[in-house]
Amino acid sequence: MHSQVAGYLKQDEQGYTFAYAPDYLATSTAEPVSLTLPLREQPYMERVLFPFFDGLIPEGWLLDVAERNWKLNVRDRMGLLLACCRDCIGAVSIHPLPNTDDA
């Protein structure tokens, strides 16, 4: 959010989790990424991708271009977010975590 790490979005077998970063919450300028995800310490959990994040994914012909060029499955919402939403219109962008595997 505005070039600061505001939080972390995770997908697992239970669904999706979004949690604000503690450092972000501690700043005086912290603001929610969405009105539907107000600032709080507890993580948000949903079976499906949060509507705010799903709304960042392109639609129509732009989605077709992304699907064709990056060979993405339109049902892979997290994959689409990571591939298409690094430079979104607005204050929020999505970036993958750096790979921390030593192997």
N, C-alpha and C. Protein backbone atom coordinates (compact mmCIF):
# COMPACT_ATOMS: atom_id res chain seq x y z
N MET A 1 0.86 -1.17 0.00
CA MET A 1 0.00 0.00 0.00
C MET A 1 0.90 1.23 0.00
N HIS A 2 0.82 2.04 -1.04
CA HIS A 2 1.69 3.23 -1.15
C HIS A 2 3.16 2.84 -0.95
N SER A 3 3.59 1.75 -1.58
CA SER A 3 4.98 1.26 -1.54
C SER A 3 5.42 0.74 -0.17
N GLN A 4 4.50 0.50 0.75
CA GLN A 4 4.81 -0.12 2.03
C GLN A 4 4.19 -1.51 2.06
N VAL A 5 4.84 -2.44 2.75
CA VAL A 5 4.23 -3.75 2.95
C VAL A 5 3.12 -3.57 3.97
N ALA A 6 1.88 -3.71 3.51
CA ALA A 6 0.72 -3.51 4.40
C ALA A 6 0.28 -4.83 5.02
N GLY A 7 0.47 -5.93 4.31
CA GLY A 7 0.01 -7.20 4.83
C GLY A 7 0.40 -8.35 3.93
N TYR A 8 -0.09 -9.53 4.31
CA TYR A 8 0.27 -10.76 3.61
C TYR A 8 -0.99 -11.55 3.28
N LEU A 9 -1.08 -11.95 2.03
CA LEU A 9 -2.19 -12.77 1.55
C LEU A 9 -1.65 -14.16 1.29
N LYS A 10 -2.31 -15.15 1.87
CA LYS A 10 -1.84 -16.53 1.76
C LYS A 10 -2.98 -17.41 1.31
N GLN A 11 -2.67 -18.40 0.49
CA GLN A 11 -3.64 -19.40 0.06
C GLN A 11 -3.16 -20.76 0.54
N ASP A 12 -4.08 -21.54 1.11
CA ASP A 12 -3.78 -22.92 1.48
C ASP A 12 -5.02 -23.77 1.26
N GLU A 13 -5.02 -24.99 1.75
CA GLU A 13 -6.14 -25.91 1.49
C GLU A 13 -7.44 -25.45 2.16
N GLN A 14 -7.36 -24.57 3.17
CA GLN A 14 -8.57 -24.06 3.82
C GLN A 14 -9.15 -22.83 3.11
N GLY A 15 -8.38 -22.21 2.26
CA GLY A 15 -8.83 -21.01 1.56
C GLY A 15 -7.77 -19.93 1.60
N TYR A 16 -8.19 -18.71 1.93
CA TYR A 16 -7.31 -17.54 1.89
C TYR A 16 -7.26 -16.86 3.25
N THR A 17 -6.09 -16.32 3.56
CA THR A 17 -5.89 -15.57 4.79
C THR A 17 -5.20 -14.26 4.43
N PHE A 18 -5.71 -13.17 4.96
CA PHE A 18 -5.03 -11.89 4.83
C PHE A 18 -4.78 -11.35 6.23
N ALA A 19 -3.54 -10.94 6.48
CA ALA A 19 -3.18 -10.36 7.78
C ALA A 19 -2.35 -9.11 7.54
N TYR A 20 -2.70 -8.05 8.27
CA TYR A 20 -1.89 -6.84 8.21
C TYR A 20 -0.56 -7.08 8.90
N ALA A 21 0.49 -6.51 8.34
CA ALA A 21 1.83 -6.61 8.92
C ALA A 21 1.88 -5.79 10.21
N PRO A 22 2.42 -6.35 11.28
CA PRO A 22 2.50 -5.61 12.55
C PRO A 22 3.21 -4.26 12.41
N ASP A 23 4.28 -4.21 11.62
CA ASP A 23 5.00 -2.94 11.42
C ASP A 23 4.12 -1.90 10.74
N TYR A 24 3.28 -2.36 9.83
CA TYR A 24 2.37 -1.45 9.13
C TYR A 24 1.32 -0.92 10.10
N LEU A 25 0.75 -1.80 10.90
CA LEU A 25 -0.27 -1.38 11.87
C LEU A 25 0.29 -0.38 12.88
N ALA A 26 1.58 -0.47 13.16
CA ALA A 26 2.21 0.41 14.15
C ALA A 26 2.47 1.82 13.61
N THR A 27 2.38 2.02 12.30
CA THR A 27 2.64 3.35 11.75
C THR A 27 1.44 4.26 11.94
N SER A 28 1.71 5.53 12.05
CA SER A 28 0.62 6.51 12.23
C SER A 28 -0.14 6.74 10.93
N THR A 29 0.44 6.34 9.81
CA THR A 29 -0.20 6.55 8.50
C THR A 29 -0.92 5.31 7.99
N ALA A 30 -1.01 4.27 8.79
CA ALA A 30 -1.67 3.03 8.35
C ALA A 30 -3.11 3.30 7.97
N GLU A 31 -3.50 2.75 6.84
CA GLU A 31 -4.89 2.82 6.41
C GLU A 31 -5.25 1.47 5.82
N PRO A 32 -6.51 1.09 5.88
CA PRO A 32 -6.90 -0.23 5.37
C PRO A 32 -6.71 -0.32 3.86
N VAL A 33 -6.41 -1.51 3.38
CA VAL A 33 -6.29 -1.71 1.94
C VAL A 33 -7.65 -1.63 1.28
N SER A 34 -8.70 -1.87 2.06
CA SER A 34 -10.07 -1.85 1.56
C SER A 34 -11.01 -1.55 2.72
N LEU A 35 -12.15 -0.96 2.41
CA LEU A 35 -13.16 -0.75 3.45
C LEU A 35 -13.69 -2.07 4.00
N THR A 36 -13.60 -3.11 3.20
CA THR A 36 -14.07 -4.43 3.64
C THR A 36 -13.03 -5.18 4.46
N LEU A 37 -11.82 -4.62 4.58
CA LEU A 37 -10.75 -5.22 5.38
C LEU A 37 -10.18 -4.15 6.32
N PRO A 38 -10.98 -3.72 7.31
CA PRO A 38 -10.49 -2.68 8.24
C PRO A 38 -9.24 -3.12 8.99
N LEU A 39 -8.47 -2.13 9.41
CA LEU A 39 -7.25 -2.42 10.16
C LEU A 39 -7.57 -3.21 11.42
N ARG A 40 -6.83 -4.28 11.64
CA ARG A 40 -6.92 -5.06 12.89
C ARG A 40 -5.75 -6.02 12.95
N GLU A 41 -5.46 -6.47 14.15
CA GLU A 41 -4.34 -7.40 14.34
C GLU A 41 -4.68 -8.82 13.93
N GLN A 42 -5.94 -9.23 14.11
CA GLN A 42 -6.34 -10.60 13.78
C GLN A 42 -6.43 -10.77 12.26
N PRO A 43 -6.01 -11.94 11.78
CA PRO A 43 -6.10 -12.18 10.33
C PRO A 43 -7.54 -12.40 9.88
N TYR A 44 -7.78 -12.10 8.64
CA TYR A 44 -9.07 -12.38 7.99
C TYR A 44 -8.93 -13.72 7.27
N MET A 45 -9.97 -14.55 7.33
CA MET A 45 -9.94 -15.85 6.67
C MET A 45 -11.23 -16.05 5.88
N GLU A 46 -11.09 -16.57 4.66
CA GLU A 46 -12.23 -16.85 3.79
C GLU A 46 -11.94 -18.09 2.96
N ARG A 47 -13.00 -18.79 2.58
CA ARG A 47 -12.85 -19.97 1.70
C ARG A 47 -12.53 -19.55 0.27
N VAL A 48 -13.03 -18.38 -0.15
CA VAL A 48 -12.78 -17.87 -1.50
C VAL A 48 -11.96 -16.59 -1.38
N LEU A 49 -11.35 -16.18 -2.48
CA LEU A 49 -10.53 -14.98 -2.48
C LEU A 49 -11.38 -13.77 -2.09
N PHE A 50 -10.85 -12.95 -1.22
CA PHE A 50 -11.55 -11.75 -0.76
C PHE A 50 -11.96 -10.91 -1.98
N PRO A 51 -13.20 -10.41 -1.99
CA PRO A 51 -13.67 -9.64 -3.14
C PRO A 51 -12.75 -8.48 -3.52
N PHE A 52 -12.15 -7.80 -2.54
CA PHE A 52 -11.24 -6.70 -2.88
C PHE A 52 -10.10 -7.18 -3.76
N PHE A 53 -9.44 -8.26 -3.37
CA PHE A 53 -8.31 -8.77 -4.14
C PHE A 53 -8.77 -9.35 -5.47
N ASP A 54 -9.91 -10.03 -5.47
CA ASP A 54 -10.44 -10.59 -6.72
C ASP A 54 -10.74 -9.46 -7.71
N GLY A 55 -11.16 -8.32 -7.20
CA GLY A 55 -11.47 -7.19 -8.06
C GLY A 55 -10.26 -6.55 -8.71
N LEU A 56 -9.06 -6.84 -8.21
CA LEU A 56 -7.84 -6.33 -8.83
C LEU A 56 -7.47 -7.08 -10.10
N ILE A 57 -7.98 -8.30 -10.23
CA ILE A 57 -7.64 -9.15 -11.38
C ILE A 57 -8.33 -8.60 -12.63
N PRO A 58 -7.59 -8.50 -13.74
CA PRO A 58 -8.20 -7.96 -14.96
C PRO A 58 -9.33 -8.86 -15.46
N GLU A 59 -10.18 -8.27 -16.29
CA GLU A 59 -11.31 -8.98 -16.88
C GLU A 59 -11.27 -8.82 -18.40
N GLY A 60 -12.14 -9.55 -19.06
CA GLY A 60 -12.33 -9.38 -20.49
C GLY A 60 -11.09 -9.67 -21.31
N TRP A 61 -10.86 -8.82 -22.29
CA TRP A 61 -9.75 -9.06 -23.22
C TRP A 61 -8.40 -9.03 -22.53
N LEU A 62 -8.25 -8.21 -21.46
CA LEU A 62 -6.98 -8.15 -20.75
C LEU A 62 -6.71 -9.46 -20.01
N LEU A 63 -7.75 -10.07 -19.47
CA LEU A 63 -7.60 -11.38 -18.85
C LEU A 63 -7.24 -12.43 -19.89
N ASP A 64 -7.85 -12.33 -21.07
CA ASP A 64 -7.53 -13.26 -22.16
C ASP A 64 -6.06 -13.14 -22.55
N VAL A 65 -5.54 -11.92 -22.62
CA VAL A 65 -4.13 -11.70 -22.95
C VAL A 65 -3.23 -12.33 -21.88
N ALA A 66 -3.56 -12.10 -20.61
CA ALA A 66 -2.76 -12.67 -19.51
C ALA A 66 -2.80 -14.19 -19.55
N GLU A 67 -3.98 -14.74 -19.77
CA GLU A 67 -4.12 -16.19 -19.82
C GLU A 67 -3.30 -16.78 -20.96
N ARG A 68 -3.35 -16.14 -22.10
CA ARG A 68 -2.65 -16.65 -23.29
C ARG A 68 -1.14 -16.46 -23.18
N ASN A 69 -0.69 -15.27 -22.77
CA ASN A 69 0.74 -14.98 -22.74
C ASN A 69 1.48 -15.67 -21.60
N TRP A 70 0.83 -15.78 -20.44
CA TRP A 70 1.49 -16.39 -19.29
C TRP A 70 0.99 -17.79 -19.00
N LYS A 71 0.12 -18.30 -19.89
CA LYS A 71 -0.42 -19.65 -19.74
C LYS A 71 -1.01 -19.87 -18.34
N LEU A 72 -1.86 -18.94 -17.94
CA LEU A 72 -2.49 -18.98 -16.63
C LEU A 72 -3.89 -19.56 -16.73
N ASN A 73 -4.31 -20.25 -15.70
CA ASN A 73 -5.66 -20.77 -15.60
C ASN A 73 -6.52 -19.68 -14.96
N VAL A 74 -7.64 -19.33 -15.59
CA VAL A 74 -8.49 -18.26 -15.04
C VAL A 74 -9.07 -18.63 -13.68
N ARG A 75 -9.05 -19.89 -13.33
CA ARG A 75 -9.54 -20.31 -12.01
C ARG A 75 -8.47 -20.18 -10.93
N ASP A 76 -7.22 -19.98 -11.33
CA ASP A 76 -6.12 -19.81 -10.37
C ASP A 76 -6.04 -18.34 -9.99
N ARG A 77 -6.88 -17.92 -9.05
CA ARG A 77 -7.00 -16.51 -8.71
C ARG A 77 -5.70 -15.97 -8.10
N MET A 78 -5.03 -16.76 -7.27
CA MET A 78 -3.77 -16.30 -6.67
C MET A 78 -2.70 -16.16 -7.75
N GLY A 79 -2.64 -17.09 -8.67
CA GLY A 79 -1.68 -17.00 -9.77
C GLY A 79 -1.92 -15.76 -10.62
N LEU A 80 -3.18 -15.46 -10.88
CA LEU A 80 -3.53 -14.26 -11.64
C LEU A 80 -3.14 -13.00 -10.88
N LEU A 81 -3.40 -12.98 -9.58
CA LEU A 81 -3.01 -11.82 -8.77
C LEU A 81 -1.51 -11.59 -8.85
N LEU A 82 -0.74 -12.65 -8.67
CA LEU A 82 0.72 -12.52 -8.67
C LEU A 82 1.25 -12.11 -10.03
N ALA A 83 0.62 -12.59 -11.10
CA ALA A 83 1.10 -12.29 -12.45
C ALA A 83 0.66 -10.91 -12.94
N CYS A 84 -0.53 -10.50 -12.57
CA CYS A 84 -1.13 -9.31 -13.19
C CYS A 84 -1.23 -8.08 -12.31
N CYS A 85 -0.98 -8.20 -11.03
CA CYS A 85 -1.32 -7.10 -10.13
C CYS A 85 -0.13 -6.47 -9.41
N ARG A 86 1.02 -6.50 -10.05
CA ARG A 86 2.19 -5.84 -9.44
C ARG A 86 2.12 -4.32 -9.61
N ASP A 87 1.45 -3.88 -10.64
CA ASP A 87 1.36 -2.45 -10.92
C ASP A 87 -0.08 -2.10 -11.22
N CYS A 88 -0.91 -2.13 -10.19
CA CYS A 88 -2.34 -1.86 -10.34
C CYS A 88 -2.60 -0.35 -10.32
N ILE A 89 -3.74 0.03 -10.84
CA ILE A 89 -4.21 1.39 -10.66
C ILE A 89 -4.63 1.52 -9.20
N GLY A 90 -4.21 2.57 -8.54
CA GLY A 90 -4.56 2.76 -7.15
C GLY A 90 -3.37 2.55 -6.23
N ALA A 91 -3.64 2.46 -4.96
CA ALA A 91 -2.59 2.43 -3.94
C ALA A 91 -2.04 1.04 -3.65
N VAL A 92 -2.75 -0.01 -4.07
CA VAL A 92 -2.37 -1.38 -3.70
C VAL A 92 -1.72 -2.10 -4.87
N SER A 93 -0.65 -2.80 -4.60
CA SER A 93 -0.05 -3.71 -5.58
C SER A 93 0.26 -5.02 -4.87
N ILE A 94 0.39 -6.06 -5.66
CA ILE A 94 0.61 -7.41 -5.13
C ILE A 94 1.99 -7.89 -5.58
N HIS A 95 2.79 -8.34 -4.62
CA HIS A 95 4.12 -8.84 -4.92
C HIS A 95 4.34 -10.16 -4.21
N PRO A 96 4.98 -11.13 -4.88
CA PRO A 96 5.27 -12.39 -4.19
C PRO A 96 6.36 -12.18 -3.13
N LEU A 97 6.31 -13.00 -2.10
CA LEU A 97 7.39 -12.98 -1.11
C LEU A 97 8.64 -13.52 -1.75
N PRO A 98 9.80 -13.00 -1.38
CA PRO A 98 11.05 -13.59 -1.88
C PRO A 98 11.15 -15.04 -1.45
N ASN A 99 11.71 -15.86 -2.28
CA ASN A 99 11.88 -17.28 -1.96
C ASN A 99 12.91 -17.41 -0.85
N THR A 100 12.49 -17.99 0.26
CA THR A 100 13.40 -18.13 1.41
C THR A 100 13.89 -19.56 1.58
N ASP A 101 13.58 -20.42 0.60
CA ASP A 101 14.06 -21.80 0.68
C ASP A 101 15.56 -21.86 0.50
N ASP A 102 16.23 -22.59 1.38
CA ASP A 102 17.68 -22.76 1.27
C ASP A 102 18.04 -23.88 0.31
N ALA A 103 17.11 -24.76 0.04
CA ALA A 103 17.40 -25.92 -0.81
C ALA A 103 17.21 -25.59 -2.25
